[in-house]
């Protein structure tokens, strides 16, 4: 069995100022999205400078939507006891599903401002997201979040005693999500979107892939202690929230088959 690595969640401390790994992971994701977006901005009529605005819109959507979504779904009682807990983002606790809603609202506002079709913009954004998702999961791993269920696989890890999980080795579920939501999703979506597709097709594939990957990993991830299993003795909140994503992804891809193909040349780096 492996011991869970002991990593200080504070990456840099200068006097009272602390920079947490969790925040750095979000910064890495946003920088990666900005850089990748600049390679393809011309495909939807944007220039490279527009990417700064788009990332700003997206960052606000991620932070506000992700934090509010987590508080409402996973920590409502804690928020009622301490309303200021909502603002302690550096401690972890971000909901992907809430962040997704926040990003969609931000994308709608950005699309209106730049006179783009909504799904034209979301198809452009979808391949830029996975690196940020993967980086966020690394942040979860460093923060000792998302513990897995007890397992005897050779790579199972014993969590630090401070977590109160006992001495049994567990799946490193955050690393599974890093691999699937970060690496695998990026490869598939970047390749899929390198050719012209019907409008909405790439967005639908994003929803489908994330929903399927998240639903699968939940089988080896410890349910949130404040919620436990939602139904049937195995269904978790993460799985319940992923089912609409899978359905929406399939529906969107079916709808996209009747939509026009967006003329997208191959990405260039010049």
C-alpha atoms as a PDB file:
ATOM      1  CA  UNK A   1       0.000   0.000   0.000  1.00  0.00           C
ATOM      2  CA  UNK A   2       1.041   3.605  -0.500  1.00  0.00           C
ATOM      3  CA  UNK A   3       1.047   6.456   1.988  1.00  0.00           C
ATOM      4  CA  UNK A   4      -0.872   9.544   0.946  1.00  0.00           C
ATOM      5  CA  UNK A   5       1.758  12.207   0.209  1.00  0.00           C
ATOM      6  CA  UNK A   6       2.009  14.971   2.767  1.00  0.00           C
ATOM      7  CA  UNK A   7       1.988  18.222   0.802  1.00  0.00           C
ATOM      8  CA  UNK A   8       1.582  21.593   2.440  1.00  0.00           C
ATOM      9  CA  UNK A   9      -1.560  23.140   0.909  1.00  0.00           C
ATOM     10  CA  UNK A  10       0.209  26.513   1.083  1.00  0.00           C
ATOM     11  CA  UNK A  11       2.535  26.784  -1.900  1.00  0.00           C
ATOM     12  CA  UNK A  12       4.075  30.157  -1.038  1.00  0.00           C
ATOM     13  CA  UNK A  13       3.978  32.088   2.221  1.00  0.00           C
ATOM     14  CA  UNK A  14       5.407  35.595   2.494  1.00  0.00           C
ATOM     15  CA  UNK A  15       4.635  36.926   5.937  1.00  0.00           C
ATOM     16  CA  UNK A  16       0.859  36.904   6.395  1.00  0.00           C
ATOM     17  CA  UNK A  17       0.301  36.432   2.648  1.00  0.00           C
ATOM     18  CA  UNK A  18      -0.317  32.823   1.646  1.00  0.00           C
ATOM     19  CA  UNK A  19      -0.780  31.413  -1.847  1.00  0.00           C
ATOM     20  CA  UNK A  20      -2.472  28.031  -1.805  1.00  0.00           C
ATOM     21  CA  UNK A  21      -1.887  25.251  -4.305  1.00  0.00           C
ATOM     22  CA  UNK A  22      -5.650  25.079  -4.830  1.00  0.00           C
ATOM     23  CA  UNK A  23      -5.708  28.650  -6.114  1.00  0.00           C
ATOM     24  CA  UNK A  24      -2.613  28.077  -8.246  1.00  0.00           C
ATOM     25  CA  UNK A  25      -4.323  25.142  -9.938  1.00  0.00           C
ATOM     26  CA  UNK A  26      -7.192  27.376 -10.980  1.00  0.00           C
ATOM     27  CA  UNK A  27      -4.694  29.921 -12.283  1.00  0.00           C
ATOM     28  CA  UNK A  28      -2.957  27.201 -14.315  1.00  0.00           C
ATOM     29  CA  UNK A  29      -6.280  26.145 -15.808  1.00  0.00           C
ATOM     30  CA  UNK A  30      -7.196  29.697 -16.795  1.00  0.00           C
ATOM     31  CA  UNK A  31      -3.767  30.397 -18.284  1.00  0.00           C
ATOM     32  CA  UNK A  32      -3.910  27.161 -20.285  1.00  0.00           C
ATOM     33  CA  UNK A  33      -7.391  28.034 -21.574  1.00  0.00           C
ATOM     34  CA  UNK A  34      -6.183  31.516 -22.539  1.00  0.00           C
ATOM     35  CA  UNK A  35      -3.167  30.142 -24.420  1.00  0.00           C
ATOM     36  CA  UNK A  36      -5.093  27.393 -26.217  1.00  0.00           C
ATOM     37  CA  UNK A  37      -7.923  29.763 -27.053  1.00  0.00           C
ATOM     38  CA  UNK A  38      -5.508  32.167 -28.729  1.00  0.00           C
ATOM     39  CA  UNK A  39      -4.528  29.378 -31.122  1.00  0.00           C
ATOM     40  CA  UNK A  40      -8.091  29.046 -32.368  1.00  0.00           C
ATOM     41  CA  UNK A  41      -9.668  32.440 -31.725  1.00  0.00           C
ATOM     42  CA  UNK A  42      -9.765  33.275 -35.431  1.00  0.00           C
ATOM     43  CA  UNK A  43     -12.121  30.353 -36.042  1.00  0.00           C
ATOM     44  CA  UNK A  44     -15.082  32.188 -34.502  1.00  0.00           C
ATOM     45  CA  UNK A  45     -14.084  35.684 -35.535  1.00  0.00           C
ATOM     46  CA  UNK A  46     -12.287  36.679 -32.344  1.00  0.00           C
ATOM     47  CA  UNK A  47      -8.825  38.117 -32.121  1.00  0.00           C
ATOM     48  CA  UNK A  48      -6.233  37.054 -29.599  1.00  0.00           C
ATOM     49  CA  UNK A  49      -6.891  40.083 -27.409  1.00  0.00           C
ATOM     50  CA  UNK A  50     -10.535  39.022 -27.046  1.00  0.00           C
ATOM     51  CA  UNK A  51      -9.340  35.922 -25.214  1.00  0.00           C
ATOM     52  CA  UNK A  52      -8.423  38.005 -22.195  1.00  0.00           C
ATOM     53  CA  UNK A  53     -12.017  39.196 -21.912  1.00  0.00           C
ATOM     54  CA  UNK A  54     -13.375  35.695 -22.437  1.00  0.00           C
ATOM     55  CA  UNK A  55     -11.156  34.224 -19.711  1.00  0.00           C
ATOM     56  CA  UNK A  56     -12.191  37.027 -17.345  1.00  0.00           C
ATOM     57  CA  UNK A  57     -15.872  36.250 -17.956  1.00  0.00           C
ATOM     58  CA  UNK A  58     -15.174  32.554 -17.499  1.00  0.00           C
ATOM     59  CA  UNK A  59     -13.175  33.039 -14.297  1.00  0.00           C
ATOM     60  CA  UNK A  60     -16.012  34.988 -12.683  1.00  0.00           C
ATOM     61  CA  UNK A  61     -18.498  32.326 -13.749  1.00  0.00           C
ATOM     62  CA  UNK A  62     -16.336  29.491 -12.405  1.00  0.00           C
ATOM     63  CA  UNK A  63     -15.634  31.091  -9.036  1.00  0.00           C
ATOM     64  CA  UNK A  64     -19.113  32.433  -8.328  1.00  0.00           C
ATOM     65  CA  UNK A  65     -21.039  29.500  -9.781  1.00  0.00           C
ATOM     66  CA  UNK A  66     -18.694  26.846  -8.422  1.00  0.00           C
ATOM     67  CA  UNK A  67     -18.644  28.190  -4.889  1.00  0.00           C
ATOM     68  CA  UNK A  68     -22.345  29.006  -4.657  1.00  0.00           C
ATOM     69  CA  UNK A  69     -23.215  25.624  -6.156  1.00  0.00           C
ATOM     70  CA  UNK A  70     -21.052  23.802  -3.607  1.00  0.00           C
ATOM     71  CA  UNK A  71     -22.479  25.744  -0.689  1.00  0.00           C
ATOM     72  CA  UNK A  72     -26.095  25.173  -1.716  1.00  0.00           C
ATOM     73  CA  UNK A  73     -25.742  21.463  -2.520  1.00  0.00           C
ATOM     74  CA  UNK A  74     -23.005  20.184  -0.222  1.00  0.00           C
ATOM     75  CA  UNK A  75     -22.639  22.667   2.640  1.00  0.00           C
ATOM     76  CA  UNK A  76     -25.896  24.517   3.131  1.00  0.00           C
ATOM     77  CA  UNK A  77     -26.049  23.913   6.875  1.00  0.00           C
ATOM     78  CA  UNK A  78     -22.432  24.997   7.356  1.00  0.00           C
ATOM     79  CA  UNK A  79     -23.160  28.178   5.426  1.00  0.00           C
ATOM     80  CA  UNK A  80     -26.192  28.897   7.609  1.00  0.00           C
ATOM     81  CA  UNK A  81     -23.990  28.518  10.693  1.00  0.00           C
ATOM     82  CA  UNK A  82     -21.264  30.742   9.235  1.00  0.00           C
ATOM     83  CA  UNK A  83     -22.312  32.855   6.208  1.00  0.00           C
ATOM     84  CA  UNK A  84     -18.745  34.107   5.697  1.00  0.00           C
ATOM     85  CA  UNK A  85     -17.668  30.529   4.917  1.00  0.00           C
ATOM     86  CA  UNK A  86     -19.023  31.174   1.420  1.00  0.00           C
ATOM     87  CA  UNK A  87     -16.012  33.384   0.685  1.00  0.00           C
ATOM     88  CA  UNK A  88     -13.315  30.963   1.916  1.00  0.00           C
ATOM     89  CA  UNK A  89     -12.610  29.602  -1.544  1.00  0.00           C
ATOM     90  CA  UNK A  90      -8.966  28.879  -0.692  1.00  0.00           C
ATOM     91  CA  UNK A  91     -10.093  26.126   1.683  1.00  0.00           C
ATOM     92  CA  UNK A  92     -11.517  24.149  -1.216  1.00  0.00           C
ATOM     93  CA  UNK A  93     -15.108  23.281  -1.878  1.00  0.00           C
ATOM     94  CA  UNK A  94     -16.070  24.065  -5.467  1.00  0.00           C
ATOM     95  CA  UNK A  95     -18.875  22.368  -7.363  1.00  0.00           C
ATOM     96  CA  UNK A  96     -18.256  21.546 -11.010  1.00  0.00           C
ATOM     97  CA  UNK A  97     -21.959  21.582 -11.774  1.00  0.00           C
ATOM     98  CA  UNK A  98     -22.348  25.030 -10.193  1.00  0.00           C
ATOM     99  CA  UNK A  99     -19.259  26.237 -12.023  1.00  0.00           C
ATOM    100  CA  UNK A 100     -20.695  24.937 -15.289  1.00  0.00           C
ATOM    101  CA  UNK A 101     -23.856  26.973 -14.802  1.00  0.00           C
ATOM    102  CA  UNK A 102     -21.727  30.009 -13.995  1.00  0.00           C
ATOM    103  CA  UNK A 103     -19.646  29.545 -17.143  1.00  0.00           C
ATOM    104  CA  UNK A 104     -22.761  29.101 -19.296  1.00  0.00           C
ATOM    105  CA  UNK A 105     -24.183  32.372 -17.990  1.00  0.00           C
ATOM    106  CA  UNK A 106     -20.843  34.087 -18.629  1.00  0.00           C
ATOM    107  CA  UNK A 107     -20.695  32.582 -22.135  1.00  0.00           C
ATOM    108  CA  UNK A 108     -24.192  33.855 -22.895  1.00  0.00           C
ATOM    109  CA  UNK A 109     -23.221  37.377 -21.846  1.00  0.00           C
ATOM    110  CA  UNK A 110     -19.971  37.245 -23.827  1.00  0.00           C
ATOM    111  CA  UNK A 111     -21.728  35.848 -26.910  1.00  0.00           C
ATOM    112  CA  UNK A 112     -24.280  38.663 -26.833  1.00  0.00           C
ATOM    113  CA  UNK A 113     -21.553  41.262 -26.547  1.00  0.00           C
ATOM    114  CA  UNK A 114     -19.603  39.843 -29.501  1.00  0.00           C
ATOM    115  CA  UNK A 115     -22.641  38.845 -31.574  1.00  0.00           C
ATOM    116  CA  UNK A 116     -21.834  35.145 -31.566  1.00  0.00           C
ATOM    117  CA  UNK A 117     -24.267  32.248 -31.534  1.00  0.00           C
ATOM    118  CA  UNK A 118     -24.345  30.725 -28.062  1.00  0.00           C
ATOM    119  CA  UNK A 119     -23.438  27.188 -29.119  1.00  0.00           C
ATOM    120  CA  UNK A 120     -20.815  28.540 -31.495  1.00  0.00           C
ATOM    121  CA  UNK A 121     -19.071  29.980 -28.452  1.00  0.00           C
ATOM    122  CA  UNK A 122     -19.608  26.970 -26.179  1.00  0.00           C
ATOM    123  CA  UNK A 123     -18.202  24.678 -28.883  1.00  0.00           C
ATOM    124  CA  UNK A 124     -15.113  26.886 -28.873  1.00  0.00           C
ATOM    125  CA  UNK A 125     -14.851  26.881 -25.073  1.00  0.00           C
ATOM    126  CA  UNK A 126     -15.431  23.140 -24.473  1.00  0.00           C
ATOM    127  CA  UNK A 127     -11.933  21.915 -25.491  1.00  0.00           C
ATOM    128  CA  UNK A 128     -10.316  24.637 -23.355  1.00  0.00           C
ATOM    129  CA  UNK A 129     -11.915  23.445 -20.107  1.00  0.00           C
ATOM    130  CA  UNK A 130     -10.432  19.983 -19.364  1.00  0.00           C
ATOM    131  CA  UNK A 131      -6.949  21.160 -18.434  1.00  0.00           C
ATOM    132  CA  UNK A 132      -8.500  23.386 -15.787  1.00  0.00           C
ATOM    133  CA  UNK A 133     -10.627  20.491 -14.561  1.00  0.00           C
ATOM    134  CA  UNK A 134      -7.557  18.302 -14.283  1.00  0.00           C
ATOM    135  CA  UNK A 135      -5.586  20.980 -12.486  1.00  0.00           C
ATOM    136  CA  UNK A 136      -8.475  21.454 -10.062  1.00  0.00           C
ATOM    137  CA  UNK A 137      -8.421  17.745  -9.235  1.00  0.00           C
ATOM    138  CA  UNK A 138      -4.721  17.996  -8.438  1.00  0.00           C
ATOM    139  CA  UNK A 139      -5.670  20.822  -6.088  1.00  0.00           C
ATOM    140  CA  UNK A 140      -8.240  18.513  -4.474  1.00  0.00           C
ATOM    141  CA  UNK A 141      -5.562  15.844  -4.067  1.00  0.00           C
ATOM    142  CA  UNK A 142      -3.152  18.255  -2.381  1.00  0.00           C
ATOM    143  CA  UNK A 143      -5.958  19.472  -0.095  1.00  0.00           C
ATOM    144  CA  UNK A 144      -6.777  15.876   0.941  1.00  0.00           C
ATOM    145  CA  UNK A 145     -10.228  16.206  -0.620  1.00  0.00           C
ATOM    146  CA  UNK A 146     -12.376  13.641  -2.439  1.00  0.00           C
ATOM    147  CA  UNK A 147     -11.270  10.511  -0.549  1.00  0.00           C
ATOM    148  CA  UNK A 148     -11.883   7.212  -2.285  1.00  0.00           C
ATOM    149  CA  UNK A 149     -13.533   4.119  -0.916  1.00  0.00           C
ATOM    150  CA  UNK A 150     -11.570   1.367   0.819  1.00  0.00           C
ATOM    151  CA  UNK A 151      -9.690  -0.781  -1.667  1.00  0.00           C
ATOM    152  CA  UNK A 152      -6.925  -3.362  -1.952  1.00  0.00           C
ATOM    153  CA  UNK A 153      -5.619  -2.290  -5.370  1.00  0.00           C
ATOM    154  CA  UNK A 154      -1.801  -1.925  -5.376  1.00  0.00           C
ATOM    155  CA  UNK A 155      -1.995   1.870  -5.730  1.00  0.00           C
ATOM    156  CA  UNK A 156      -4.485   2.389  -2.885  1.00  0.00           C
ATOM    157  CA  UNK A 157      -3.348   5.014  -0.383  1.00  0.00           C
ATOM    158  CA  UNK A 158      -3.596   5.358   3.380  1.00  0.00           C
ATOM    159  CA  UNK A 159      -4.897   8.812   4.178  1.00  0.00           C
ATOM    160  CA  UNK A 160      -3.357  11.031   6.882  1.00  0.00           C
ATOM    161  CA  UNK A 161      -4.702  10.297  10.389  1.00  0.00           C
ATOM    162  CA  UNK A 162      -5.957  13.866  10.671  1.00  0.00           C
ATOM    163  CA  UNK A 163      -8.676  13.067   8.125  1.00  0.00           C
ATOM    164  CA  UNK A 164     -10.311  10.560  10.467  1.00  0.00           C
ATOM    165  CA  UNK A 165     -10.783   7.935   7.763  1.00  0.00           C
ATOM    166  CA  UNK A 166      -9.024   5.060   9.506  1.00  0.00           C
ATOM    167  CA  UNK A 167      -5.935   3.071   8.487  1.00  0.00           C
ATOM    168  CA  UNK A 168      -7.490   1.273   5.519  1.00  0.00           C
ATOM    169  CA  UNK A 169      -6.031   2.102   2.082  1.00  0.00           C
ATOM    170  CA  UNK A 170      -8.358   3.890  -0.317  1.00  0.00           C
ATOM    171  CA  UNK A 171      -8.697   4.682  -4.002  1.00  0.00           C
ATOM    172  CA  UNK A 172      -6.957   7.976  -4.946  1.00  0.00           C
ATOM    173  CA  UNK A 173     -10.178   9.070  -6.631  1.00  0.00           C
ATOM    174  CA  UNK A 174      -9.009  12.642  -7.223  1.00  0.00           C
ATOM    175  CA  UNK A 175      -6.216  11.274  -9.430  1.00  0.00           C
ATOM    176  CA  UNK A 176      -8.725   9.167 -11.374  1.00  0.00           C
ATOM    177  CA  UNK A 177     -10.725  12.306 -12.062  1.00  0.00           C
ATOM    178  CA  UNK A 178      -7.555  14.163 -13.018  1.00  0.00           C
ATOM    179  CA  UNK A 179      -6.784  11.487 -15.605  1.00  0.00           C
ATOM    180  CA  UNK A 180     -10.310  11.205 -17.026  1.00  0.00           C
ATOM    181  CA  UNK A 181     -11.676  14.752 -16.758  1.00  0.00           C
ATOM    182  CA  UNK A 182      -8.334  16.388 -17.450  1.00  0.00           C
ATOM    183  CA  UNK A 183      -6.163  14.327 -19.764  1.00  0.00           C
ATOM    184  CA  UNK A 184      -8.596  12.010 -21.574  1.00  0.00           C
ATOM    185  CA  UNK A 185     -11.291  14.651 -22.079  1.00  0.00           C
ATOM    186  CA  UNK A 186      -8.776  17.166 -23.382  1.00  0.00           C
ATOM    187  CA  UNK A 187      -7.339  14.730 -25.942  1.00  0.00           C
ATOM    188  CA  UNK A 188     -10.774  13.689 -27.206  1.00  0.00           C
ATOM    189  CA  UNK A 189     -12.284  17.182 -27.360  1.00  0.00           C
ATOM    190  CA  UNK A 190      -9.216  18.877 -28.849  1.00  0.00           C
ATOM    191  CA  UNK A 191      -9.031  16.222 -31.564  1.00  0.00           C
ATOM    192  CA  UNK A 192     -12.801  16.192 -32.169  1.00  0.00           C
ATOM    193  CA  UNK A 193     -13.005  19.973 -32.498  1.00  0.00           C
ATOM    194  CA  UNK A 194     -10.010  20.209 -34.838  1.00  0.00           C
ATOM    195  CA  UNK A 195     -12.422  19.591 -37.723  1.00  0.00           C
ATOM    196  CA  UNK A 196     -15.576  21.447 -38.681  1.00  0.00           C
ATOM    197  CA  UNK A 197     -18.585  20.100 -36.769  1.00  0.00           C
ATOM    198  CA  UNK A 198     -22.281  20.870 -36.586  1.00  0.00           C
ATOM    199  CA  UNK A 199     -22.992  23.644 -34.136  1.00  0.00           C
ATOM    200  CA  UNK A 200     -23.555  22.243 -30.653  1.00  0.00           C
ATOM    201  CA  UNK A 201     -21.890  18.879 -31.330  1.00  0.00           C
ATOM    202  CA  UNK A 202     -18.677  19.603 -29.390  1.00  0.00           C
ATOM    203  CA  UNK A 203     -20.647  21.074 -26.486  1.00  0.00           C
ATOM    204  CA  UNK A 204     -22.825  17.975 -26.363  1.00  0.00           C
ATOM    205  CA  UNK A 205     -19.796  15.692 -26.387  1.00  0.00           C
ATOM    206  CA  UNK A 206     -18.295  17.647 -23.488  1.00  0.00           C
ATOM    207  CA  UNK A 207     -21.431  17.179 -21.387  1.00  0.00           C
ATOM    208  CA  UNK A 208     -21.631  13.497 -22.257  1.00  0.00           C
ATOM    209  CA  UNK A 209     -17.978  12.739 -21.491  1.00  0.00           C
ATOM    210  CA  UNK A 210     -17.923  14.577 -18.201  1.00  0.00           C
ATOM    211  CA  UNK A 211     -21.199  13.044 -17.076  1.00  0.00           C
ATOM    212  CA  UNK A 212     -20.068   9.507 -17.892  1.00  0.00           C
ATOM    213  CA  UNK A 213     -16.604   9.921 -16.342  1.00  0.00           C
ATOM    214  CA  UNK A 214     -17.933  11.523 -13.172  1.00  0.00           C
ATOM    215  CA  UNK A 215     -20.696   8.931 -12.816  1.00  0.00           C
ATOM    216  CA  UNK A 216     -18.144   6.106 -13.139  1.00  0.00           C
ATOM    217  CA  UNK A 217     -15.593   7.537 -10.679  1.00  0.00           C
ATOM    218  CA  UNK A 218     -18.303   8.031  -8.052  1.00  0.00           C
ATOM    219  CA  UNK A 219     -18.395   4.245  -7.628  1.00  0.00           C
ATOM    220  CA  UNK A 220     -14.915   4.381  -6.065  1.00  0.00           C
ATOM    221  CA  UNK A 221     -15.215   7.790  -4.426  1.00  0.00           C
ATOM    222  CA  UNK A 222     -16.381   8.155  -0.833  1.00  0.00           C
ATOM    223  CA  UNK A 223     -19.826   9.796  -0.693  1.00  0.00           C
ATOM    224  CA  UNK A 224     -19.903  13.231   0.852  1.00  0.00           C
ATOM    225  CA  UNK A 225     -20.260  12.557   4.612  1.00  0.00           C
ATOM    226  CA  UNK A 226     -22.947  15.190   5.088  1.00  0.00           C
ATOM    227  CA  UNK A 227     -25.087  13.588   2.362  1.00  0.00           C
ATOM    228  CA  UNK A 228     -24.184   9.905   2.154  1.00  0.00           C
ATOM    229  CA  UNK A 229     -25.963   7.846  -0.477  1.00  0.00           C
ATOM    230  CA  UNK A 230     -28.986   9.511  -2.017  1.00  0.00           C
ATOM    231  CA  UNK A 231     -30.867   6.355  -3.067  1.00  0.00           C
ATOM    232  CA  UNK A 232     -30.618   2.588  -3.595  1.00  0.00           C
ATOM    233  CA  UNK A 233     -27.686   2.312  -1.196  1.00  0.00           C
ATOM    234  CA  UNK A 234     -25.218   3.364  -3.907  1.00  0.00           C
ATOM    235  CA  UNK A 235     -26.397   6.500  -5.760  1.00  0.00           C
ATOM    236  CA  UNK A 236     -24.414   9.589  -4.763  1.00  0.00           C
ATOM    237  CA  UNK A 237     -25.166  13.262  -5.252  1.00  0.00           C
ATOM    238  CA  UNK A 238     -22.394  13.465  -7.842  1.00  0.00           C
ATOM    239  CA  UNK A 239     -24.050  10.707  -9.856  1.00  0.00           C
ATOM    240  CA  UNK A 240     -27.488  12.261  -9.479  1.00  0.00           C
ATOM    241  CA  UNK A 241     -26.181  15.581 -10.817  1.00  0.00           C
ATOM    242  CA  UNK A 242     -24.334  13.828 -13.649  1.00  0.00           C
ATOM    243  CA  UNK A 243     -27.418  12.068 -15.037  1.00  0.00           C
ATOM    244  CA  UNK A 244     -28.951  15.301 -16.430  1.00  0.00           C
ATOM    245  CA  UNK A 245     -25.579  16.116 -18.002  1.00  0.00           C
ATOM    246  CA  UNK A 246     -25.481  12.766 -19.789  1.00  0.00           C
ATOM    247  CA  UNK A 247     -29.055  13.210 -21.002  1.00  0.00           C
ATOM    248  CA  UNK A 248     -28.409  16.814 -22.075  1.00  0.00           C
ATOM    249  CA  UNK A 249     -25.227  15.798 -23.877  1.00  0.00           C
ATOM    250  CA  UNK A 250     -26.988  13.077 -25.857  1.00  0.00           C
ATOM    251  CA  UNK A 251     -29.933  15.371 -26.645  1.00  0.00           C
ATOM    252  CA  UNK A 252     -27.648  18.202 -27.725  1.00  0.00           C
ATOM    253  CA  UNK A 253     -25.620  15.941 -30.013  1.00  0.00           C
ATOM    254  CA  UNK A 254     -28.827  14.585 -31.573  1.00  0.00           C
ATOM    255  CA  UNK A 255     -30.107  18.144 -32.086  1.00  0.00           C
ATOM    256  CA  UNK A 256     -26.760  19.257 -33.515  1.00  0.00           C
ATOM    257  CA  UNK A 257     -27.028  16.759 -36.361  1.00  0.00           C
ATOM    258  CA  UNK A 258     -29.625  19.053 -37.943  1.00  0.00           C
ATOM    259  CA  UNK A 259     -27.574  22.199 -37.446  1.00  0.00           C
ATOM    260  CA  UNK A 260     -25.200  23.880 -39.906  1.00  0.00           C
ATOM    261  CA  UNK A 261     -21.526  23.018 -39.893  1.00  0.00           C
ATOM    262  CA  UNK A 262     -19.391  25.846 -38.547  1.00  0.00           C
ATOM    263  CA  UNK A 263     -16.620  26.493 -41.012  1.00  0.00           C
ATOM    264  CA  UNK A 264     -13.499  26.036 -38.903  1.00  0.00           C
ATOM    265  CA  UNK A 265     -10.091  25.836 -40.442  1.00  0.00           C
ATOM    266  CA  UNK A 266      -7.395  23.877 -38.726  1.00  0.00           C
ATOM    267  CA  UNK A 267      -5.851  25.722 -35.800  1.00  0.00           C
ATOM    268  CA  UNK A 268      -2.620  27.523 -36.417  1.00  0.00           C
ATOM    269  CA  UNK A 269      -0.084  28.970 -34.032  1.00  0.00           C
ATOM    270  CA  UNK A 270       0.875  32.049 -35.964  1.00  0.00           C
END
